[in-house]
N, C-alpha and C. Protein backbone atom coordinates (compact mmCIF):
# COMPACT_ATOMS: atom_id res chain seq x y z
N MET A 1 30.39 16.08 22.92
CA MET A 1 29.31 16.62 22.16
C MET A 1 28.02 15.90 22.54
N GLY A 2 26.97 16.66 22.71
CA GLY A 2 25.69 16.08 23.08
C GLY A 2 24.67 16.25 21.97
N THR A 3 23.55 15.67 22.21
CA THR A 3 22.45 15.78 21.25
C THR A 3 21.42 16.74 21.81
N THR A 4 20.98 17.64 20.99
CA THR A 4 19.96 18.59 21.41
C THR A 4 18.60 18.11 20.96
N VAL A 5 17.67 18.06 21.89
CA VAL A 5 16.33 17.61 21.57
C VAL A 5 15.37 18.73 21.89
N LYS A 6 14.54 19.08 20.93
CA LYS A 6 13.54 20.12 21.14
C LYS A 6 12.21 19.48 21.48
N LYS A 7 11.49 20.14 22.32
CA LYS A 7 10.16 19.68 22.66
C LYS A 7 9.22 20.00 21.50
N ARG A 8 8.48 18.98 21.07
CA ARG A 8 7.54 19.18 19.96
C ARG A 8 6.26 19.81 20.47
N LYS A 9 5.72 20.69 19.66
CA LYS A 9 4.41 21.23 19.98
C LYS A 9 3.37 20.19 19.63
N LEU A 10 2.42 20.01 20.50
CA LEU A 10 1.35 19.07 20.23
C LEU A 10 0.33 19.72 19.33
N ARG A 11 -0.13 18.97 18.36
CA ARG A 11 -1.16 19.48 17.47
C ARG A 11 -2.51 19.33 18.14
N SER A 12 -3.38 20.20 17.79
CA SER A 12 -4.72 20.08 18.36
C SER A 12 -5.39 18.85 17.76
N PRO A 13 -6.21 18.14 18.54
CA PRO A 13 -6.87 16.94 18.03
C PRO A 13 -7.72 17.22 16.80
N ARG A 14 -8.26 18.41 16.71
CA ARG A 14 -9.12 18.76 15.57
C ARG A 14 -8.32 18.75 14.27
N LYS A 15 -7.14 19.34 14.29
CA LYS A 15 -6.30 19.36 13.09
C LYS A 15 -5.83 17.95 12.75
N SER A 16 -5.44 17.22 13.77
CA SER A 16 -4.96 15.86 13.56
C SER A 16 -6.05 14.99 12.95
N ASN A 17 -7.25 15.08 13.46
CA ASN A 17 -8.36 14.31 12.93
C ASN A 17 -8.68 14.71 11.51
N PHE A 18 -8.62 15.98 11.21
CA PHE A 18 -8.89 16.46 9.86
C PHE A 18 -7.86 15.90 8.88
N ALA A 19 -6.60 15.96 9.25
CA ALA A 19 -5.54 15.45 8.37
C ALA A 19 -5.68 13.95 8.17
N GLY A 20 -5.98 13.24 9.23
CA GLY A 20 -6.18 11.80 9.13
C GLY A 20 -7.36 11.45 8.24
N LYS A 21 -8.44 12.19 8.39
CA LYS A 21 -9.63 11.95 7.57
C LYS A 21 -9.33 12.27 6.11
N LEU A 22 -8.60 13.33 5.86
CA LEU A 22 -8.26 13.70 4.50
C LEU A 22 -7.41 12.61 3.84
N LEU A 23 -6.43 12.10 4.57
CA LEU A 23 -5.60 11.02 4.02
C LEU A 23 -6.43 9.77 3.76
N GLU A 24 -7.37 9.49 4.66
CA GLU A 24 -8.25 8.33 4.48
C GLU A 24 -9.10 8.48 3.22
N LEU A 25 -9.63 9.66 2.99
CA LEU A 25 -10.45 9.90 1.80
C LEU A 25 -9.63 9.76 0.52
N ILE A 26 -8.40 10.24 0.56
CA ILE A 26 -7.53 10.13 -0.61
C ILE A 26 -7.21 8.66 -0.88
N ALA A 27 -6.88 7.92 0.16
CA ALA A 27 -6.51 6.51 0.00
C ALA A 27 -7.68 5.65 -0.45
N MET A 28 -8.89 6.01 -0.06
CA MET A 28 -10.06 5.21 -0.43
C MET A 28 -10.22 5.12 -1.94
N ARG A 29 -9.78 6.10 -2.65
CA ARG A 29 -9.90 6.10 -4.10
C ARG A 29 -8.96 5.08 -4.74
N HIS A 30 -7.81 4.89 -4.13
CA HIS A 30 -6.80 4.03 -4.73
C HIS A 30 -7.04 2.55 -4.48
N VAL A 31 -7.66 2.20 -3.38
CA VAL A 31 -7.84 0.79 -3.05
C VAL A 31 -8.75 0.09 -4.06
N PRO A 32 -9.93 0.63 -4.39
CA PRO A 32 -10.75 -0.05 -5.40
C PRO A 32 -10.05 -0.18 -6.75
N GLN A 33 -9.28 0.83 -7.13
CA GLN A 33 -8.55 0.76 -8.39
C GLN A 33 -7.49 -0.34 -8.33
N ALA A 34 -6.80 -0.44 -7.20
CA ALA A 34 -5.78 -1.48 -7.04
C ALA A 34 -6.42 -2.87 -7.04
N LEU A 35 -7.57 -3.00 -6.40
CA LEU A 35 -8.29 -4.28 -6.41
C LEU A 35 -8.70 -4.67 -7.82
N TYR A 36 -9.16 -3.70 -8.58
CA TYR A 36 -9.57 -3.96 -9.97
C TYR A 36 -8.37 -4.46 -10.79
N VAL A 37 -7.25 -3.79 -10.68
CA VAL A 37 -6.05 -4.18 -11.43
C VAL A 37 -5.61 -5.58 -11.02
N ALA A 38 -5.59 -5.85 -9.72
CA ALA A 38 -5.19 -7.17 -9.23
C ALA A 38 -6.14 -8.25 -9.74
N ALA A 39 -7.43 -7.95 -9.80
CA ALA A 39 -8.41 -8.92 -10.30
C ALA A 39 -8.22 -9.18 -11.79
N VAL A 40 -8.03 -8.14 -12.57
CA VAL A 40 -7.85 -8.28 -14.01
C VAL A 40 -6.58 -9.09 -14.31
N LEU A 41 -5.53 -8.86 -13.53
CA LEU A 41 -4.26 -9.58 -13.75
C LEU A 41 -4.28 -11.00 -13.19
N GLY A 42 -5.27 -11.32 -12.36
CA GLY A 42 -5.35 -12.66 -11.78
C GLY A 42 -4.33 -12.91 -10.68
N ILE A 43 -4.03 -11.87 -9.92
CA ILE A 43 -3.02 -11.97 -8.86
C ILE A 43 -3.41 -13.02 -7.82
N ALA A 44 -4.67 -13.06 -7.42
CA ALA A 44 -5.11 -14.02 -6.39
C ALA A 44 -4.84 -15.45 -6.83
N ASP A 45 -5.10 -15.75 -8.09
CA ASP A 45 -4.85 -17.10 -8.59
C ASP A 45 -3.36 -17.44 -8.58
N LEU A 46 -2.53 -16.43 -8.86
CA LEU A 46 -1.09 -16.66 -8.92
C LEU A 46 -0.46 -16.89 -7.55
N ILE A 47 -1.06 -16.31 -6.50
CA ILE A 47 -0.48 -16.45 -5.16
C ILE A 47 -1.30 -17.39 -4.27
N ALA A 48 -2.28 -18.07 -4.85
CA ALA A 48 -3.15 -18.94 -4.06
C ALA A 48 -2.39 -20.07 -3.37
N LYS A 49 -1.46 -20.68 -4.06
CA LYS A 49 -0.75 -21.83 -3.51
C LYS A 49 0.61 -21.49 -2.92
N GLN A 50 1.22 -20.42 -3.44
CA GLN A 50 2.58 -20.07 -2.98
C GLN A 50 2.80 -18.57 -3.12
N ALA A 51 3.46 -18.01 -2.13
CA ALA A 51 3.80 -16.58 -2.19
C ALA A 51 4.78 -16.34 -3.32
N LYS A 52 4.65 -15.19 -3.94
CA LYS A 52 5.54 -14.80 -5.04
C LYS A 52 5.95 -13.35 -4.84
N SER A 53 7.11 -13.02 -5.35
CA SER A 53 7.57 -11.64 -5.27
C SER A 53 6.84 -10.80 -6.30
N SER A 54 6.91 -9.49 -6.12
CA SER A 54 6.26 -8.61 -7.09
C SER A 54 6.91 -8.75 -8.46
N ALA A 55 8.21 -9.01 -8.49
CA ALA A 55 8.90 -9.20 -9.78
C ALA A 55 8.40 -10.47 -10.48
N GLU A 56 8.20 -11.54 -9.71
CA GLU A 56 7.67 -12.78 -10.29
C GLU A 56 6.25 -12.58 -10.81
N LEU A 57 5.46 -11.84 -10.04
CA LEU A 57 4.08 -11.58 -10.47
C LEU A 57 4.06 -10.70 -11.72
N ALA A 58 4.95 -9.73 -11.78
CA ALA A 58 5.03 -8.86 -12.95
C ALA A 58 5.39 -9.67 -14.19
N GLN A 59 6.35 -10.57 -14.03
CA GLN A 59 6.75 -11.39 -15.17
C GLN A 59 5.61 -12.32 -15.60
N ALA A 60 4.91 -12.91 -14.64
CA ALA A 60 3.82 -13.84 -14.95
C ALA A 60 2.63 -13.15 -15.60
N THR A 61 2.43 -11.87 -15.29
CA THR A 61 1.28 -11.14 -15.83
C THR A 61 1.65 -10.24 -17.00
N GLY A 62 2.95 -10.10 -17.26
CA GLY A 62 3.38 -9.21 -18.33
C GLY A 62 3.18 -7.75 -18.01
N SER A 63 3.23 -7.42 -16.73
CA SER A 63 3.03 -6.03 -16.32
C SER A 63 4.36 -5.39 -15.91
N HIS A 64 4.36 -4.09 -15.76
CA HIS A 64 5.55 -3.33 -15.39
C HIS A 64 5.86 -3.60 -13.92
N PRO A 65 7.08 -4.06 -13.59
CA PRO A 65 7.40 -4.43 -12.21
C PRO A 65 7.20 -3.32 -11.17
N ASP A 66 7.64 -2.10 -11.49
CA ASP A 66 7.50 -1.00 -10.53
C ASP A 66 6.04 -0.63 -10.30
N PHE A 67 5.26 -0.60 -11.36
CA PHE A 67 3.84 -0.25 -11.22
C PHE A 67 3.10 -1.33 -10.45
N LEU A 68 3.39 -2.58 -10.73
CA LEU A 68 2.73 -3.67 -10.01
C LEU A 68 3.12 -3.65 -8.54
N TYR A 69 4.37 -3.34 -8.26
CA TYR A 69 4.82 -3.24 -6.85
C TYR A 69 3.99 -2.20 -6.12
N ARG A 70 3.74 -1.07 -6.74
CA ARG A 70 2.93 -0.01 -6.10
C ARG A 70 1.51 -0.47 -5.86
N ILE A 71 0.95 -1.19 -6.81
CA ILE A 71 -0.40 -1.73 -6.66
C ILE A 71 -0.44 -2.69 -5.46
N LEU A 72 0.53 -3.59 -5.40
CA LEU A 72 0.58 -4.56 -4.31
C LEU A 72 0.80 -3.88 -2.97
N ARG A 73 1.64 -2.87 -2.96
CA ARG A 73 1.89 -2.11 -1.72
C ARG A 73 0.62 -1.44 -1.23
N THR A 74 -0.18 -0.92 -2.14
CA THR A 74 -1.47 -0.32 -1.78
C THR A 74 -2.39 -1.36 -1.14
N LEU A 75 -2.41 -2.55 -1.71
CA LEU A 75 -3.26 -3.61 -1.18
C LEU A 75 -2.76 -4.13 0.17
N VAL A 76 -1.47 -4.12 0.38
CA VAL A 76 -0.92 -4.49 1.68
C VAL A 76 -1.32 -3.45 2.72
N ALA A 77 -1.19 -2.17 2.38
CA ALA A 77 -1.56 -1.10 3.31
C ALA A 77 -3.05 -1.14 3.66
N ALA A 78 -3.87 -1.59 2.73
CA ALA A 78 -5.32 -1.68 2.96
C ALA A 78 -5.70 -2.95 3.71
N GLY A 79 -4.74 -3.86 3.91
CA GLY A 79 -5.01 -5.08 4.63
C GLY A 79 -5.56 -6.20 3.77
N VAL A 80 -5.53 -6.03 2.46
CA VAL A 80 -6.04 -7.04 1.53
C VAL A 80 -5.00 -8.15 1.34
N LEU A 81 -3.74 -7.77 1.24
CA LEU A 81 -2.64 -8.73 1.08
C LEU A 81 -1.69 -8.58 2.26
N ARG A 82 -0.81 -9.57 2.40
CA ARG A 82 0.20 -9.53 3.47
C ARG A 82 1.57 -9.65 2.81
N LYS A 83 2.50 -8.85 3.28
CA LYS A 83 3.86 -8.87 2.74
C LYS A 83 4.71 -9.82 3.57
N ASP A 84 5.35 -10.78 2.91
CA ASP A 84 6.30 -11.67 3.56
C ASP A 84 7.69 -11.27 3.12
N GLU A 85 8.64 -11.49 3.98
CA GLU A 85 10.02 -11.13 3.63
C GLU A 85 10.66 -12.15 2.77
C-alpha cells in the first residue's frame, strides 16, 4: 500500500496577503487586552526572579487557570513573554 499525495494549488499572493493582514488585525485587538490583564494581575512581578507555570500564576493571582493560560499564550505569540518547557 502506498501513500497518495495530491499537488496543492498555490494561492494567489493577493489572497494570502489579505488573509494574513486580516488575522493580524484581529490579533492586534487581543494583545493590548492581554497586556492589561497581565499588568493588573502583576504577572511581571511574579515571574521576575523565577519562571512559573500558568497554574502557579493562576493560583498566586486567584484567577481561572484556563483563562490565564490563554492570556499568557497570547502574550507568547506576540513576543512579549517566552514559554519554557
